[in-house]
Amino acid sequence: MRAVPGLAWLEIKLFLREPLTAVFVLVLPLVVLYVLNGVFGSQPDPSVWDGHSPVDFYTSAYVALVLATIGVLSLPVHLAGYREQGVLRRFQASSLQTSTLLGAHLLVAVVIGAAAALTLTGVSILGYDATTPHDILGVLGAFLLVSVAFASLGTLLGFTLPSARAAQGLGVLLFFVFLMLGGAGPPRELLPSAMLRLSDLTPLTYAARLLRAPWLGEAWDLTATTVMVGLLLTSTTLTTWRLRAG
């Protein structure tokens, strides 16, 4: 496991060389947050956003969106590209264990997610007077669970999808689905009933809820926790099966 930090540092540098992924993870959430704050303002509305101000509601939602984007776009593209180009076989030939590679990518997901989350939070607080997190430890715990859960999903997709292009196409599609239905776009209260049902099936909905509760000083969301833990365990189990099946 001593090789994990060095490999993670290399993977971070490779991540920063992928402009599409960097835009979706680091830039686009800030742009959309700016647009939504300009549209909805900063005054709470008891009929939407659970009674919170728009900026408080969307800040935690966009932190969750960043973590989800790393999981469904960055990691799958990278791992599928490694498989496609034979990099994984060369790693195995050099006695580098698959667990080391996965550990490095998990570390990269947490580090990149933390950097993006801090940037997003800083812009919201300094630029839009967003509420600072009430329960720092709770937010950190929710952040780690959401980050690891989506990273596990990304690992599964990376080892399952046939090519980097397929992973990129699916990742972009899931990004916009999450954006529109996961609480990072139009308020859930304004969605038609069919879209509301789809929203209830979107993991980002629960990731945002899990982060929002300690952020705004509310009770810990057990349902959202269960969904995230379920996503983590299911993805990890299927990835293990996929690797053993070859």
C-alpha atoms as a PDB file:
ATOM      1  CA  MET A   1       0.000   0.000   0.000  1.00  0.00           C
ATOM      2  CA  ARG A   2       3.046   2.293   0.186  1.00  0.00           C
ATOM      3  CA  ALA A   3       2.789   2.703  -3.583  1.00  0.00           C
ATOM      4  CA  VAL A   4      -0.690   4.222  -3.311  1.00  0.00           C
ATOM      5  CA  PRO A   5       0.325   7.866  -2.564  1.00  0.00           C
ATOM      6  CA  GLY A   6       2.885   7.979  -5.384  1.00  0.00           C
ATOM      7  CA  LEU A   7       0.500   6.453  -7.883  1.00  0.00           C
ATOM      8  CA  ALA A   8      -2.270   8.770  -6.680  1.00  0.00           C
ATOM      9  CA  TRP A   9      -0.075  11.829  -7.293  1.00  0.00           C
ATOM     10  CA  LEU A  10       0.603  10.610 -10.838  1.00  0.00           C
ATOM     11  CA  GLU A  11      -3.119  10.062 -11.413  1.00  0.00           C
ATOM     12  CA  ILE A  12      -3.929  13.573 -10.160  1.00  0.00           C
ATOM     13  CA  LYS A  13      -1.539  15.058 -12.724  1.00  0.00           C
ATOM     14  CA  LEU A  14      -3.156  12.942 -15.441  1.00  0.00           C
ATOM     15  CA  PHE A  15      -6.586  14.111 -14.298  1.00  0.00           C
ATOM     16  CA  LEU A  16      -5.593  17.754 -14.680  1.00  0.00           C
ATOM     17  CA  ARG A  17      -4.564  17.031 -18.274  1.00  0.00           C
ATOM     18  CA  GLU A  18      -8.089  15.907 -19.203  1.00  0.00           C
ATOM     19  CA  PRO A  19      -9.892  19.166 -20.038  1.00  0.00           C
ATOM     20  CA  LEU A  20     -13.394  17.710 -20.438  1.00  0.00           C
ATOM     21  CA  THR A  21     -13.371  16.007 -17.056  1.00  0.00           C
ATOM     22  CA  ALA A  22     -11.814  19.028 -15.366  1.00  0.00           C
ATOM     23  CA  VAL A  23     -14.512  21.296 -16.835  1.00  0.00           C
ATOM     24  CA  PHE A  24     -17.361  19.062 -15.630  1.00  0.00           C
ATOM     25  CA  VAL A  25     -15.855  18.622 -12.165  1.00  0.00           C
ATOM     26  CA  LEU A  26     -14.310  22.021 -11.426  1.00  0.00           C
ATOM     27  CA  VAL A  27     -15.820  24.640 -13.715  1.00  0.00           C
ATOM     28  CA  LEU A  28     -19.373  23.786 -14.770  1.00  0.00           C
ATOM     29  CA  PRO A  29     -20.801  23.466 -11.221  1.00  0.00           C
ATOM     30  CA  LEU A  30     -19.523  26.965 -10.424  1.00  0.00           C
ATOM     31  CA  VAL A  31     -21.067  28.379 -13.599  1.00  0.00           C
ATOM     32  CA  VAL A  32     -24.453  26.772 -12.993  1.00  0.00           C
ATOM     33  CA  LEU A  33     -24.392  27.812  -9.316  1.00  0.00           C
ATOM     34  CA  TYR A  34     -23.802  31.394 -10.450  1.00  0.00           C
ATOM     35  CA  VAL A  35     -26.701  31.187 -12.904  1.00  0.00           C
ATOM     36  CA  LEU A  36     -29.108  29.671 -10.384  1.00  0.00           C
ATOM     37  CA  ASN A  37     -28.228  32.233  -7.731  1.00  0.00           C
ATOM     38  CA  GLY A  38     -28.870  34.967 -10.269  1.00  0.00           C
ATOM     39  CA  VAL A  39     -32.245  33.451 -11.183  1.00  0.00           C
ATOM     40  CA  PHE A  40     -33.554  32.530  -7.730  1.00  0.00           C
ATOM     41  CA  GLY A  41     -31.872  35.145  -5.547  1.00  0.00           C
ATOM     42  CA  SER A  42     -31.084  34.509  -1.889  1.00  0.00           C
ATOM     43  CA  GLN A  43     -34.441  34.834  -0.115  1.00  0.00           C
ATOM     44  CA  PRO A  44     -35.925  31.667   1.444  1.00  0.00           C
ATOM     45  CA  ASP A  45     -39.246  30.441   0.090  1.00  0.00           C
ATOM     46  CA  PRO A  46     -41.231  28.071   2.350  1.00  0.00           C
ATOM     47  CA  SER A  47     -42.807  26.403  -0.696  1.00  0.00           C
ATOM     48  CA  VAL A  48     -39.501  25.247  -2.268  1.00  0.00           C
ATOM     49  CA  TRP A  49     -35.943  24.242  -1.286  1.00  0.00           C
ATOM     50  CA  ASP A  50     -37.256  22.809   2.008  1.00  0.00           C
ATOM     51  CA  GLY A  51     -37.688  26.380   3.230  1.00  0.00           C
ATOM     52  CA  HIS A  52     -33.979  27.202   2.926  1.00  0.00           C
ATOM     53  CA  SER A  53     -32.442  29.996   0.900  1.00  0.00           C
ATOM     54  CA  PRO A  54     -31.501  28.915  -2.650  1.00  0.00           C
ATOM     55  CA  VAL A  55     -27.772  29.399  -2.121  1.00  0.00           C
ATOM     56  CA  ASP A  56     -27.760  27.235   1.029  1.00  0.00           C
ATOM     57  CA  PHE A  57     -29.773  24.535  -0.698  1.00  0.00           C
ATOM     58  CA  TYR A  58     -27.706  24.483  -3.881  1.00  0.00           C
ATOM     59  CA  THR A  59     -24.251  24.710  -2.296  1.00  0.00           C
ATOM     60  CA  SER A  60     -24.520  21.280  -0.683  1.00  0.00           C
ATOM     61  CA  ALA A  61     -26.262  19.923  -3.793  1.00  0.00           C
ATOM     62  CA  TYR A  62     -23.379  21.024  -5.984  1.00  0.00           C
ATOM     63  CA  VAL A  63     -20.774  19.554  -3.680  1.00  0.00           C
ATOM     64  CA  ALA A  64     -22.663  16.279  -4.068  1.00  0.00           C
ATOM     65  CA  LEU A  65     -22.814  16.799  -7.849  1.00  0.00           C
ATOM     66  CA  VAL A  66     -19.048  17.252  -8.002  1.00  0.00           C
ATOM     67  CA  LEU A  67     -18.478  13.981  -6.133  1.00  0.00           C
ATOM     68  CA  ALA A  68     -20.987  12.190  -8.358  1.00  0.00           C
ATOM     69  CA  THR A  69     -19.324  13.557 -11.500  1.00  0.00           C
ATOM     70  CA  ILE A  70     -15.947  12.230 -10.406  1.00  0.00           C
ATOM     71  CA  GLY A  71     -17.594   8.853  -9.902  1.00  0.00           C
ATOM     72  CA  VAL A  72     -19.619   8.583 -13.113  1.00  0.00           C
ATOM     73  CA  LEU A  73     -17.351  10.481 -15.499  1.00  0.00           C
ATOM     74  CA  SER A  74     -13.729  10.846 -14.388  1.00  0.00           C
ATOM     75  CA  LEU A  75     -13.046   7.405 -12.907  1.00  0.00           C
ATOM     76  CA  PRO A  76     -14.882   5.319 -15.541  1.00  0.00           C
ATOM     77  CA  VAL A  77     -13.186   7.124 -18.438  1.00  0.00           C
ATOM     78  CA  HIS A  78      -9.773   6.681 -16.858  1.00  0.00           C
ATOM     79  CA  LEU A  79     -10.169   3.009 -15.935  1.00  0.00           C
ATOM     80  CA  ALA A  80     -11.880   2.057 -19.197  1.00  0.00           C
ATOM     81  CA  GLY A  81      -9.048   3.792 -21.060  1.00  0.00           C
ATOM     82  CA  TYR A  82      -6.505   1.809 -19.062  1.00  0.00           C
ATOM     83  CA  ARG A  83      -8.269  -1.438 -19.979  1.00  0.00           C
ATOM     84  CA  GLU A  84      -8.611  -0.416 -23.619  1.00  0.00           C
ATOM     85  CA  GLN A  85      -4.937   0.530 -23.967  1.00  0.00           C
ATOM     86  CA  GLY A  86      -3.618  -2.512 -22.104  1.00  0.00           C
ATOM     87  CA  VAL A  87      -2.292  -0.437 -19.201  1.00  0.00           C
ATOM     88  CA  LEU A  88      -3.940  -2.722 -16.631  1.00  0.00           C
ATOM     89  CA  ARG A  89      -2.177  -5.750 -18.108  1.00  0.00           C
ATOM     90  CA  ARG A  90       1.165  -3.935 -17.896  1.00  0.00           C
ATOM     91  CA  PHE A  91       0.444  -3.033 -14.275  1.00  0.00           C
ATOM     92  CA  GLN A  92      -0.304  -6.684 -13.520  1.00  0.00           C
ATOM     93  CA  ALA A  93       2.863  -7.791 -15.314  1.00  0.00           C
ATOM     94  CA  SER A  94       4.878  -5.412 -13.121  1.00  0.00           C
ATOM     95  CA  SER A  95       3.390  -7.046  -9.989  1.00  0.00           C
ATOM     96  CA  LEU A  96       1.332  -3.953  -9.154  1.00  0.00           C
ATOM     97  CA  GLN A  97      -1.751  -5.252  -7.412  1.00  0.00           C
ATOM     98  CA  THR A  98      -5.183  -4.188  -8.634  1.00  0.00           C
ATOM     99  CA  SER A  99      -6.027  -3.160  -5.065  1.00  0.00           C
ATOM    100  CA  THR A 100      -3.154  -0.637  -5.174  1.00  0.00           C
ATOM    101  CA  LEU A 101      -4.491   0.894  -8.381  1.00  0.00           C
ATOM    102  CA  LEU A 102      -8.014   1.077  -6.968  1.00  0.00           C
ATOM    103  CA  GLY A 103      -6.733   2.550  -3.707  1.00  0.00           C
ATOM    104  CA  ALA A 104      -4.875   5.246  -5.641  1.00  0.00           C
ATOM    105  CA  HIS A 105      -7.970   6.143  -7.662  1.00  0.00           C
ATOM    106  CA  LEU A 106     -10.068   6.257  -4.504  1.00  0.00           C
ATOM    107  CA  LEU A 107      -7.550   8.653  -2.952  1.00  0.00           C
ATOM    108  CA  VAL A 108      -7.595  10.777  -6.121  1.00  0.00           C
ATOM    109  CA  ALA A 109     -11.398  10.936  -6.024  1.00  0.00           C
ATOM    110  CA  VAL A 110     -11.359  12.159  -2.414  1.00  0.00           C
ATOM    111  CA  VAL A 111      -8.575  14.716  -2.983  1.00  0.00           C
ATOM    112  CA  ILE A 112     -10.031  16.163  -6.203  1.00  0.00           C
ATOM    113  CA  GLY A 113     -13.497  16.161  -4.649  1.00  0.00           C
ATOM    114  CA  ALA A 114     -12.222  17.975  -1.562  1.00  0.00           C
ATOM    115  CA  ALA A 115     -10.452  20.626  -3.648  1.00  0.00           C
ATOM    116  CA  ALA A 116     -13.541  21.216  -5.778  1.00  0.00           C
ATOM    117  CA  ALA A 117     -15.842  21.239  -2.728  1.00  0.00           C
ATOM    118  CA  LEU A 118     -13.681  23.780  -0.903  1.00  0.00           C
ATOM    119  CA  THR A 119     -13.606  26.006  -3.983  1.00  0.00           C
ATOM    120  CA  LEU A 120     -17.358  25.770  -4.440  1.00  0.00           C
ATOM    121  CA  THR A 121     -18.041  26.396  -0.754  1.00  0.00           C
ATOM    122  CA  GLY A 122     -15.663  29.341  -0.614  1.00  0.00           C
ATOM    123  CA  VAL A 123     -17.296  30.981  -3.631  1.00  0.00           C
ATOM    124  CA  SER A 124     -20.766  30.458  -2.137  1.00  0.00           C
ATOM    125  CA  ILE A 125     -19.833  31.848   1.277  1.00  0.00           C
ATOM    126  CA  LEU A 126     -17.739  34.793   0.087  1.00  0.00           C
ATOM    127  CA  GLY A 127     -19.707  35.633  -3.029  1.00  0.00           C
ATOM    128  CA  TYR A 128     -23.293  34.827  -2.036  1.00  0.00           C
ATOM    129  CA  ASP A 129     -23.250  34.845   1.779  1.00  0.00           C
ATOM    130  CA  ALA A 130     -24.079  31.160   2.059  1.00  0.00           C
ATOM    131  CA  THR A 131     -24.352  29.587   5.503  1.00  0.00           C
ATOM    132  CA  THR A 132     -21.164  28.026   6.838  1.00  0.00           C
ATOM    133  CA  PRO A 133     -21.540  24.351   7.833  1.00  0.00           C
ATOM    134  CA  HIS A 134     -23.131  23.924  11.269  1.00  0.00           C
ATOM    135  CA  ASP A 135     -21.692  20.468  11.961  1.00  0.00           C
ATOM    136  CA  ILE A 136     -18.199  20.230  10.466  1.00  0.00           C
ATOM    137  CA  LEU A 137     -17.617  16.625  11.557  1.00  0.00           C
ATOM    138  CA  GLY A 138     -21.012  15.603  10.216  1.00  0.00           C
ATOM    139  CA  VAL A 139     -20.298  17.263   6.876  1.00  0.00           C
ATOM    140  CA  LEU A 140     -16.900  15.554   6.675  1.00  0.00           C
ATOM    141  CA  GLY A 141     -18.474  12.185   7.438  1.00  0.00           C
ATOM    142  CA  ALA A 142     -21.163  12.696   4.797  1.00  0.00           C
ATOM    143  CA  PHE A 143     -18.541  13.908   2.320  1.00  0.00           C
ATOM    144  CA  LEU A 144     -16.401  10.796   2.776  1.00  0.00           C
ATOM    145  CA  LEU A 145     -19.359   8.423   2.476  1.00  0.00           C
ATOM    146  CA  VAL A 146     -20.696  10.119  -0.667  1.00  0.00           C
ATOM    147  CA  SER A 147     -17.229  10.363  -2.208  1.00  0.00           C
ATOM    148  CA  VAL A 148     -16.365   6.711  -1.591  1.00  0.00           C
ATOM    149  CA  ALA A 149     -19.818   5.515  -2.706  1.00  0.00           C
ATOM    150  CA  PHE A 150     -19.626   7.311  -6.059  1.00  0.00           C
ATOM    151  CA  ALA A 151     -15.976   6.332  -6.503  1.00  0.00           C
ATOM    152  CA  SER A 152     -17.016   2.695  -6.029  1.00  0.00           C
ATOM    153  CA  LEU A 153     -19.709   3.152  -8.662  1.00  0.00           C
ATOM    154  CA  GLY A 154     -17.127   4.705 -10.985  1.00  0.00           C
ATOM    155  CA  THR A 155     -14.797   1.761 -10.466  1.00  0.00           C
ATOM    156  CA  LEU A 156     -17.583  -0.645 -11.402  1.00  0.00           C
ATOM    157  CA  LEU A 157     -18.394   1.335 -14.544  1.00  0.00           C
ATOM    158  CA  GLY A 158     -14.723   1.570 -15.477  1.00  0.00           C
ATOM    159  CA  PHE A 159     -14.259  -2.195 -15.299  1.00  0.00           C
ATOM    160  CA  THR A 160     -17.552  -2.923 -17.080  1.00  0.00           C
ATOM    161  CA  LEU A 161     -17.922  -0.448 -19.944  1.00  0.00           C
ATOM    162  CA  PRO A 162     -16.211  -1.502 -23.181  1.00  0.00           C
ATOM    163  CA  SER A 163     -14.245   1.678 -23.947  1.00  0.00           C
ATOM    164  CA  ALA A 164     -13.281   5.122 -22.703  1.00  0.00           C
ATOM    165  CA  ARG A 165     -15.585   6.676 -25.308  1.00  0.00           C
ATOM    166  CA  ALA A 166     -18.552   4.666 -24.010  1.00  0.00           C
ATOM    167  CA  ALA A 167     -17.668   5.666 -20.442  1.00  0.00           C
ATOM    168  CA  GLN A 168     -17.451   9.316 -21.434  1.00  0.00           C
ATOM    169  CA  GLY A 169     -20.813   9.234 -23.222  1.00  0.00           C
ATOM    170  CA  LEU A 170     -22.558   7.579 -20.295  1.00  0.00           C
ATOM    171  CA  GLY A 171     -20.840   9.905 -17.820  1.00  0.00           C
ATOM    172  CA  VAL A 172     -21.972  13.068 -19.603  1.00  0.00           C
ATOM    173  CA  LEU A 173     -25.507  11.696 -19.849  1.00  0.00           C
ATOM    174  CA  LEU A 174     -25.591  10.853 -16.132  1.00  0.00           C
ATOM    175  CA  PHE A 175     -24.200  14.294 -15.276  1.00  0.00           C
ATOM    176  CA  PHE A 176     -27.158  16.026 -16.896  1.00  0.00           C
ATOM    177  CA  VAL A 177     -29.641  13.528 -15.431  1.00  0.00           C
ATOM    178  CA  PHE A 178     -28.225  14.219 -11.976  1.00  0.00           C
ATOM    179  CA  LEU A 179     -28.236  17.953 -12.652  1.00  0.00           C
ATOM    180  CA  MET A 180     -31.899  18.028 -13.646  1.00  0.00           C
ATOM    181  CA  LEU A 181     -33.346  15.390 -11.321  1.00  0.00           C
ATOM    182  CA  GLY A 182     -30.997  15.180  -8.332  1.00  0.00           C
ATOM    183  CA  GLY A 183     -31.788  18.481  -6.664  1.00  0.00           C
ATOM    184  CA  ALA A 184     -29.043  20.465  -8.391  1.00  0.00           C
ATOM    185  CA  GLY A 185     -31.354  22.050 -10.966  1.00  0.00           C
ATOM    186  CA  PRO A 186     -35.051  22.905 -10.841  1.00  0.00           C
ATOM    187  CA  PRO A 187     -36.601  22.613  -7.359  1.00  0.00           C
ATOM    188  CA  ARG A 188     -38.167  19.198  -6.778  1.00  0.00           C
ATOM    189  CA  GLU A 189     -41.423  20.898  -5.843  1.00  0.00           C
ATOM    190  CA  LEU A 190     -41.754  22.171  -9.425  1.00  0.00           C
ATOM    191  CA  LEU A 191     -41.093  18.841 -11.152  1.00  0.00           C
ATOM    192  CA  PRO A 192     -43.959  16.937 -12.827  1.00  0.00           C
ATOM    193  CA  SER A 193     -44.985  13.773 -11.008  1.00  0.00           C
ATOM    194  CA  ALA A 194     -43.208  11.463 -13.488  1.00  0.00           C
ATOM    195  CA  MET A 195     -39.933  13.361 -13.126  1.00  0.00           C
ATOM    196  CA  LEU A 196     -40.396  13.446  -9.361  1.00  0.00           C
ATOM    197  CA  ARG A 197     -40.566   9.648  -9.301  1.00  0.00           C
ATOM    198  CA  LEU A 198     -37.366   9.504 -11.363  1.00  0.00           C
ATOM    199  CA  SER A 199     -35.786  11.938  -8.931  1.00  0.00           C
ATOM    200  CA  ASP A 200     -36.499   9.499  -6.114  1.00  0.00           C
ATOM    201  CA  LEU A 201     -34.447   6.897  -8.023  1.00  0.00           C
ATOM    202  CA  THR A 202     -31.487   9.219  -8.573  1.00  0.00           C
ATOM    203  CA  PRO A 203     -28.595   8.641  -6.127  1.00  0.00           C
ATOM    204  CA  LEU A 204     -27.614  12.310  -6.222  1.00  0.00           C
ATOM    205  CA  THR A 205     -30.927  13.174  -4.544  1.00  0.00           C
ATOM    206  CA  TYR A 206     -29.850  11.228  -1.473  1.00  0.00           C
ATOM    207  CA  ALA A 207     -26.212  12.354  -1.635  1.00  0.00           C
ATOM    208  CA  ALA A 208     -27.336  15.997  -1.541  1.00  0.00           C
ATOM    209  CA  ARG A 209     -29.723  15.284   1.340  1.00  0.00           C
ATOM    210  CA  LEU A 210     -26.987  13.520   3.286  1.00  0.00           C
ATOM    211  CA  LEU A 211     -24.645  16.507   2.940  1.00  0.00           C
ATOM    212  CA  ARG A 212     -27.349  19.116   3.510  1.00  0.00           C
ATOM    213  CA  ALA A 213     -28.539  17.806   6.885  1.00  0.00           C
ATOM    214  CA  PRO A 214     -25.345  18.444   8.930  1.00  0.00           C
ATOM    215  CA  TRP A 215     -24.507  21.457   6.771  1.00  0.00           C
ATOM    216  CA  LEU A 216     -27.699  23.235   7.834  1.00  0.00           C
ATOM    217  CA  GLY A 217     -27.894  21.833  11.363  1.00  0.00           C
ATOM    218  CA  GLU A 218     -30.664  19.308  10.721  1.00  0.00           C
ATOM    219  CA  ALA A 219     -31.055  15.727  11.951  1.00  0.00           C
ATOM    220  CA  TRP A 220     -28.912  13.105  10.241  1.00  0.00           C
ATOM    221  CA  ASP A 221     -30.762  11.621   7.239  1.00  0.00           C
ATOM    222  CA  LEU A 222     -30.919   7.866   7.823  1.00  0.00           C
ATOM    223  CA  THR A 223     -32.671   7.123   4.522  1.00  0.00           C
ATOM    224  CA  ALA A 224     -29.988   8.945   2.543  1.00  0.00           C
ATOM    225  CA  THR A 225     -27.301   7.151   4.557  1.00  0.00           C
ATOM    226  CA  THR A 226     -28.866   3.783   3.764  1.00  0.00           C
ATOM    227  CA  VAL A 227     -28.979   4.571   0.034  1.00  0.00           C
ATOM    228  CA  MET A 228     -25.333   5.675  -0.045  1.00  0.00           C
ATOM    229  CA  VAL A 229     -24.144   2.661   1.946  1.00  0.00           C
ATOM    230  CA  GLY A 230     -26.205   0.435  -0.351  1.00  0.00           C
ATOM    231  CA  LEU A 231     -24.603   2.030  -3.425  1.00  0.00           C
ATOM    232  CA  LEU A 232     -21.148   1.507  -1.922  1.00  0.00           C
ATOM    233  CA  LEU A 233     -21.700  -2.144  -0.980  1.00  0.00           C
ATOM    234  CA  THR A 234     -23.437  -3.058  -4.240  1.00  0.00           C
ATOM    235  CA  SER A 235     -20.779  -1.407  -6.399  1.00  0.00           C
ATOM    236  CA  THR A 236     -17.937  -2.979  -4.402  1.00  0.00           C
ATOM    237  CA  THR A 237     -19.504  -6.438  -4.561  1.00  0.00           C
ATOM    238  CA  LEU A 238     -20.125  -6.254  -8.316  1.00  0.00           C
ATOM    239  CA  THR A 239     -16.630  -4.899  -8.970  1.00  0.00           C
ATOM    240  CA  THR A 240     -15.084  -7.765  -6.997  1.00  0.00           C
ATOM    241  CA  TRP A 241     -17.170 -10.261  -8.973  1.00  0.00           C
ATOM    242  CA  ARG A 242     -16.207  -8.575 -12.256  1.00  0.00           C
ATOM    243  CA  LEU A 243     -12.483  -8.745 -11.459  1.00  0.00           C
ATOM    244  CA  ARG A 244     -12.675 -12.391 -10.425  1.00  0.00           C
ATOM    245  CA  ALA A 245     -14.607 -13.255 -13.563  1.00  0.00           C
ATOM    246  CA  GLY A 246     -11.837 -11.716 -15.625  1.00  0.00           C
END
